[in-house]
Protein backbone atom coordinates (compact mmCIF):
# COMPACT_ATOMS: atom_id res chain seq x y z
CA MET A 1 167.15 11.59 349.83
CA ARG A 2 166.02 15.21 349.58
CA TRP A 3 163.32 14.15 347.09
CA LEU A 4 162.16 11.33 349.39
CA VAL A 5 161.87 13.70 352.35
CA GLY A 6 159.84 16.10 350.21
CA LEU A 7 157.51 13.30 349.13
CA LYS A 8 157.02 12.19 352.73
CA GLN A 9 156.17 15.74 353.80
CA LEU A 10 153.62 16.02 350.99
CA GLN A 11 152.00 12.77 352.13
CA GLU A 12 151.90 14.00 355.74
CA LEU A 13 150.12 17.15 354.56
CA GLY A 14 147.56 15.07 352.67
CA ILE A 15 148.40 16.74 349.36
CA LEU A 16 146.31 15.61 346.40
CA GLY A 17 148.54 15.11 343.36
CA MET A 18 147.52 15.40 339.72
CA ASN A 19 147.57 11.67 338.96
CA CYS A 20 145.45 10.84 342.01
CA ARG A 21 143.05 13.66 341.17
CA ASN A 22 142.69 12.54 337.56
CA ILE A 23 142.26 8.82 338.29
CA ASP A 24 140.60 8.56 341.70
CA PHE A 25 138.31 11.58 341.54
CA ILE A 26 137.82 13.16 338.11
CA GLY A 27 137.95 9.82 336.27
CA ARG A 28 135.81 7.99 338.82
CA TYR A 29 133.17 10.61 339.64
CA ASN A 30 132.86 12.79 336.51
CA ARG A 31 131.19 11.20 333.49
CA ARG A 32 132.71 12.68 330.35
CA SER A 33 129.27 13.12 328.79
CA LEU A 34 128.56 15.74 331.48
CA TYR A 35 131.62 17.90 330.80
CA GLN A 36 129.76 19.87 328.13
CA LEU A 37 127.44 21.23 330.85
CA VAL A 38 130.32 23.18 332.40
CA ASP A 39 132.77 23.57 329.51
CA ASP A 40 130.13 25.56 327.60
CA LYS A 41 129.24 28.64 329.70
CA LEU A 42 125.99 29.21 327.80
CA ARG A 43 124.82 25.71 328.69
CA THR A 44 125.81 26.36 332.30
CA LYS A 45 123.67 29.51 332.32
CA GLU A 46 120.67 27.66 330.91
CA LEU A 47 121.09 24.89 333.48
CA ALA A 48 121.49 27.33 336.38
CA LYS A 49 118.35 29.20 335.33
CA ARG A 50 116.32 25.97 335.42
CA HIS A 51 117.66 25.18 338.92
CA GLY A 52 117.16 28.69 340.30
CA ILE A 53 120.88 29.36 340.81
CA PRO A 54 121.73 33.04 340.16
CA MET A 55 124.47 34.00 337.68
CA PRO A 56 125.62 37.31 336.12
CA ARG A 57 123.09 38.54 333.54
CA LEU A 58 123.78 37.71 329.93
CA LEU A 59 123.38 40.83 327.77
CA PHE A 60 123.87 39.28 324.33
CA THR A 61 125.97 36.77 322.38
CA LEU A 62 127.89 36.89 319.12
CA LYS A 63 128.32 33.77 317.02
CA GLU A 64 129.26 34.92 313.50
CA GLN A 65 132.35 36.79 312.31
CA HIS A 66 130.35 39.00 309.94
CA ARG A 67 128.51 40.54 312.92
CA VAL A 68 131.73 41.83 314.48
CA LYS A 69 131.90 44.86 312.18
CA HIS A 70 128.47 46.00 313.43
CA ILE A 71 129.24 45.53 317.15
CA GLY A 72 129.67 49.28 317.67
CA ASN A 73 125.91 49.75 317.35
CA LEU A 74 125.24 47.26 320.18
CA LEU A 75 127.92 48.75 322.44
CA GLU A 76 127.04 52.38 321.78
CA SER A 77 124.89 52.79 324.90
CA MET A 78 126.95 50.46 327.12
CA SER A 79 129.68 51.78 329.43
CA GLU A 80 130.34 48.71 331.60
CA PHE A 81 130.35 45.08 330.47
CA VAL A 82 132.40 41.88 330.38
CA ILE A 83 133.42 40.00 327.22
CA LYS A 84 134.03 36.25 327.60
CA PRO A 85 134.69 33.26 325.38
CA CYS A 86 131.92 30.73 325.88
CA LYS A 87 134.37 27.80 326.00
CA GLY A 88 137.36 29.51 327.60
CA SER A 89 139.19 28.46 330.77
CA GLY A 90 141.64 29.87 333.28
CA GLY A 91 140.49 33.44 332.71
CA LYS A 92 141.83 33.48 329.15
CA GLY A 93 140.04 35.82 326.79
CA ILE A 94 138.06 37.65 329.48
CA LEU A 95 137.96 41.41 328.95
CA VAL A 96 136.41 43.67 331.59
CA ILE A 97 135.31 47.13 330.51
CA GLY A 98 134.76 49.46 333.45
CA GLY A 99 133.84 52.69 331.68
CA ARG A 100 134.02 54.96 328.62
CA GLU A 101 136.11 58.03 327.86
CA GLY A 102 134.90 59.54 324.63
CA GLU A 103 135.51 56.99 321.89
CA PHE A 104 137.65 54.79 324.16
CA PHE A 105 136.64 51.76 326.21
CA VAL A 106 138.45 51.73 329.58
CA LYS A 107 139.55 48.38 331.07
CA SER A 108 139.37 47.71 334.80
CA SER A 109 143.17 48.24 334.84
CA GLY A 110 142.75 51.74 333.37
CA ALA A 111 144.08 50.88 329.92
CA LYS A 112 142.15 52.38 327.00
CA LEU A 113 140.91 50.39 324.01
CA THR A 114 139.45 51.46 320.70
CA LEU A 115 136.41 49.91 319.07
CA GLN A 116 138.84 48.20 316.68
CA ASP A 117 140.61 46.62 319.68
CA ILE A 118 137.27 45.28 320.92
CA GLN A 119 136.41 43.94 317.47
CA ARG A 120 139.79 42.24 317.16
CA HIS A 121 139.34 40.61 320.56
CA MET A 122 135.88 39.34 319.66
CA SER A 123 137.11 38.04 316.31
CA ASN A 124 139.87 36.09 318.09
CA ILE A 125 137.34 34.54 320.45
CA LEU A 126 135.14 33.46 317.54
CA ALA A 127 138.18 31.91 315.84
CA GLY A 128 138.79 29.76 318.93
CA LEU A 129 141.96 31.46 320.20
CA HIS A 130 140.85 31.05 323.84
CA SER A 131 138.63 27.94 323.64
CA LEU A 132 139.57 24.72 325.41
CA ALA A 133 140.19 22.74 322.22
CA GLY A 134 140.98 25.63 319.88
CA THR A 135 137.66 25.18 318.10
CA PRO A 136 135.38 28.03 316.93
CA ASP A 137 133.68 29.71 319.86
CA THR A 138 130.91 32.12 320.85
CA VAL A 139 131.34 35.58 322.39
CA MET A 140 129.37 36.25 325.58
CA ILE A 141 128.74 39.79 326.82
CA GLU A 142 127.67 39.90 330.47
CA GLU A 143 126.84 42.57 333.00
CA ARG A 144 129.77 43.88 335.02
CA ILE A 145 129.58 42.92 338.68
CA GLU A 146 129.65 45.63 341.36
CA LEU A 147 132.18 45.03 344.13
CA ASP A 148 130.67 44.15 347.51
CA GLY A 149 131.78 46.96 349.79
CA ARG A 150 133.00 44.50 352.41
CA PHE A 151 135.84 43.53 350.05
CA GLU A 152 136.98 47.08 349.36
CA GLY A 153 140.79 47.20 349.21
CA TYR A 154 141.26 43.43 349.01
CA SER A 155 141.48 43.34 345.22
CA TYR A 156 143.32 45.58 342.76
CA GLN A 157 141.17 46.93 339.90
CA GLY A 158 139.11 43.75 339.81
CA ILE A 159 136.42 41.75 341.56
CA PRO A 160 137.43 38.95 344.00
CA ASP A 161 135.95 35.51 343.45
CA LEU A 162 135.66 32.37 345.54
CA ARG A 163 136.69 28.90 344.41
CA VAL A 164 135.01 26.08 346.35
CA ILE A 165 135.82 22.43 345.61
CA VAL A 166 132.67 20.30 345.89
CA PHE A 167 132.95 16.51 346.15
CA GLN A 168 129.81 14.36 345.93
CA GLY A 169 127.87 17.47 346.90
CA TYR A 170 130.03 18.34 349.95
CA PRO A 171 132.06 21.57 349.97
CA VAL A 172 135.54 20.36 350.95
CA MET A 173 137.93 23.31 350.47
CA ALA A 174 137.66 27.01 349.67
CA MET A 175 139.79 29.99 348.76
CA LEU A 176 139.32 33.63 347.84
CA ARG A 177 141.14 34.85 344.70
CA LEU A 178 142.17 38.51 344.68
CA ALA A 179 143.26 40.48 341.62
CA THR A 180 146.62 42.30 341.60
CA ARG A 181 148.55 44.64 339.33
CA ASP A 182 150.50 41.62 338.08
CA SER A 183 147.30 39.74 337.18
CA ASP A 184 145.92 42.74 335.21
CA GLY A 185 142.89 42.99 337.46
CA LYS A 186 141.94 39.32 336.98
CA ALA A 187 141.48 36.81 339.80
CA ASN A 188 143.58 34.01 338.30
CA LEU A 189 146.41 32.63 340.44
CA HIS A 190 148.66 31.60 337.55
CA GLN A 191 148.51 35.18 336.27
CA GLY A 192 149.67 36.59 339.63
CA ALA A 193 146.49 36.95 341.69
CA VAL A 194 146.59 36.28 345.44
CA GLY A 195 145.05 33.08 346.79
CA VAL A 196 143.58 33.34 350.30
CA GLY A 197 142.83 29.99 351.91
CA LEU A 198 139.58 30.05 353.89
CA ASP A 199 138.57 28.17 357.01
CA LEU A 200 135.77 25.89 355.80
CA ALA A 201 134.00 26.18 359.16
CA THR A 202 133.89 29.99 359.28
CA GLY A 203 134.86 31.57 355.95
CA GLN A 204 137.75 33.38 357.65
CA CYS A 205 141.30 33.79 356.32
CA LEU A 206 143.73 30.96 357.10
CA ASN A 207 146.66 31.72 354.83
CA ALA A 208 147.55 33.81 351.76
CA VAL A 209 150.02 33.29 348.91
CA GLN A 210 151.06 34.86 345.63
CA ARG A 211 152.93 32.49 343.30
CA THR A 212 153.49 30.17 346.33
CA LEU A 213 155.09 32.97 348.42
CA PRO A 214 153.29 33.75 351.73
CA LEU A 215 151.74 37.19 352.20
CA GLN A 216 150.23 39.11 355.09
CA ARG A 217 148.95 42.08 353.07
CA HIS A 218 147.76 42.75 349.53
CA PRO A 219 150.86 43.64 347.44
CA ASP A 220 149.16 46.65 345.80
CA THR A 221 146.64 48.00 348.31
CA GLY A 222 148.44 47.08 351.56
CA LYS A 223 145.20 45.72 353.04
CA ALA A 224 145.79 43.05 355.70
CA PHE A 225 144.26 39.64 355.00
CA THR A 226 143.71 38.71 358.64
CA ASP A 227 140.36 40.52 358.80
CA ILE A 228 138.84 38.66 355.85
CA GLU A 229 135.60 36.87 356.66
CA VAL A 230 133.22 35.98 353.83
CA PRO A 231 129.64 37.07 354.70
CA ASN A 232 126.68 34.68 354.60
CA TRP A 233 129.11 31.77 354.52
CA ARG A 234 126.65 28.92 355.10
CA GLU A 235 124.25 30.19 352.41
CA LEU A 236 127.12 30.55 349.96
CA LEU A 237 128.23 26.96 350.57
CA VAL A 238 124.66 25.73 350.07
CA LEU A 239 124.70 27.40 346.65
CA THR A 240 127.92 25.54 345.73
CA SER A 241 126.54 22.25 347.05
CA ARG A 242 123.43 22.56 344.87
CA CYS A 243 125.68 22.55 341.79
CA TYR A 244 126.19 18.81 342.39
CA GLU A 245 122.54 18.01 341.66
CA MET A 246 122.51 20.60 338.88
CA THR A 247 125.37 18.98 336.91
CA GLY A 248 125.70 15.40 338.19
CA LEU A 249 129.47 15.93 338.45
CA GLY A 250 130.96 14.39 341.58
CA TYR A 251 134.22 16.36 341.61
CA LEU A 252 133.63 20.00 340.80
CA GLY A 253 135.18 23.45 341.07
CA THR A 254 132.58 26.17 341.71
CA ASP A 255 133.47 29.83 341.22
CA ILE A 256 131.33 32.34 343.10
CA ILE A 257 131.35 36.13 342.93
CA LEU A 258 129.78 38.53 345.44
CA ASP A 259 127.79 41.36 343.87
CA ARG A 260 126.94 44.48 345.85
CA GLN A 261 123.26 44.31 344.93
CA ARG A 262 122.48 40.65 344.19
CA GLY A 263 124.78 38.84 346.65
CA PRO A 264 126.46 35.52 345.74
CA LEU A 265 126.36 34.66 342.03
CA LEU A 266 127.67 31.54 340.32
CA LEU A 267 130.39 32.68 337.92
CA GLU A 268 131.30 29.35 336.31
CA LEU A 269 131.95 25.66 336.97
CA ASN A 270 134.97 23.49 336.30
CA ALA A 271 135.05 19.70 335.89
CA ARG A 272 138.86 19.66 336.23
CA PRO A 273 139.62 22.16 339.02
CA GLY A 274 143.29 22.89 339.68
CA LEU A 275 145.28 21.92 342.75
CA SER A 276 146.72 25.29 343.78
CA ILE A 277 143.90 25.75 346.29
CA GLN A 278 145.95 23.47 348.56
CA VAL A 279 148.85 25.94 348.47
CA ALA A 280 146.51 28.79 349.36
CA CYS A 281 145.05 26.85 352.32
CA GLY A 282 148.38 25.43 353.50
CA PHE A 283 147.28 21.77 353.64
CA GLY A 284 145.99 19.01 351.40
CA LEU A 285 142.62 18.02 349.99
CA LEU A 286 143.05 14.27 350.16
CA PRO A 287 142.00 13.64 353.81
CA ARG A 288 138.74 15.52 353.31
CA LEU A 289 137.98 13.72 350.05
CA ARG A 290 138.64 10.33 351.63
CA ARG A 291 136.48 11.28 354.61
CA VAL A 292 133.52 11.99 352.33
CA GLU A 293 134.20 8.80 350.37
CA SER A 294 134.08 6.80 353.60
CA LEU A 295 130.57 7.95 354.53
CA ARG A 296 128.30 4.91 354.54
CA LYS A 297 125.26 7.06 353.88
CA LYS A 298 125.51 10.38 352.09
CA HIS A 299 123.32 13.32 353.11
CA ALA A 300 120.42 13.81 350.71
CA CYS A 301 120.06 17.61 350.63
CA ALA A 302 122.49 20.48 350.19
CA GLU A 303 121.72 22.02 353.60
CA ASP A 304 122.63 18.77 355.42
CA ARG A 305 125.79 18.29 353.37
CA VAL A 306 126.91 21.82 354.23
CA ALA A 307 126.15 21.25 357.92
CA TYR A 308 128.41 18.18 357.81
CA ALA A 309 131.13 20.14 355.99
CA LEU A 310 131.04 22.95 358.55
CA SER A 311 131.14 20.70 361.61
CA VAL A 312 133.34 17.79 360.49
CA LEU A 313 135.40 18.73 357.43
CA GLY A 314 135.98 22.22 358.78
CA ALA A 315 137.72 20.72 361.80
CA MET A 316 140.25 18.90 359.60
CA ASN A 317 142.56 21.81 358.82
CA GLY A 318 145.89 20.10 358.14
CA LYS A 319 144.79 16.85 359.80
CA HIS A 320 144.46 13.38 358.33
CA ALA A 321 141.08 11.73 358.30
CA THR A 322 142.45 8.97 360.53
CA GLU A 323 143.15 11.55 363.24
CA MET A 324 139.51 12.55 363.41
CA ALA A 325 136.76 10.78 365.28
CA PRO A 326 134.47 8.74 362.98
């Protein structure tokens, strides 16, 4: 009986489960032939460049193991950079270097690494340790993003990022992911980052959780979440909406980062976005997805889709589609 009550409550909240997500949305709206556009971060960068969507600058790549022993020459004049696996997911294999102290490379968490540590990390990436299928991979070295001053104190030794779920080109749900001491300065919820659910209509804080437990303040900095309001919200959502035309994927997770100088940048895309965004927001995705599905005529351009999301979907916080006016 306890299980049945729990299931009923989940249905009342409009929670999207994994089976429904996989069959009704990923399986129906994402052609497998398009996955490579987002699973390979280099291909995503090339695609974004053609569509005029800004991303962090790529400094160089590394594809062969024999080049690892010479990497010190390339890094000699670099004090800040980010190392990523080209085919990684969930933040695995990402290494953020925030400075140099003599011969040491200093992580965003303050930990010091030697050149040999960097080489070992790169070699593991090339061997496929962090790739989606465990296949050989490519090392990407990107510029390090500068924290937008308006988010000072909201993230611990790391840069916050935004996850926006886009369905058929409509932004349907959003959250801010904030790094913590537990997450080692990375903005990944399963590693202990804080998820802040955002009001789709305004970009303001609705709710915050860490490992499903509610929070009012950042566990490391003490900063209150109630004052969070993402700047240039409409423009940011237009950027996420444009990723629908860019990839052709109908159900998409878009990750955005806010740079102090350049503004919103597309960090990466995900054809199989997770479901924890619903925990961060405090209600389910399903009513909003069904509402978009029910549209007899979809809006043709990103600006119109965002306008609909702000005015209609943004009013559905915790409400079923049937409770809303058509």
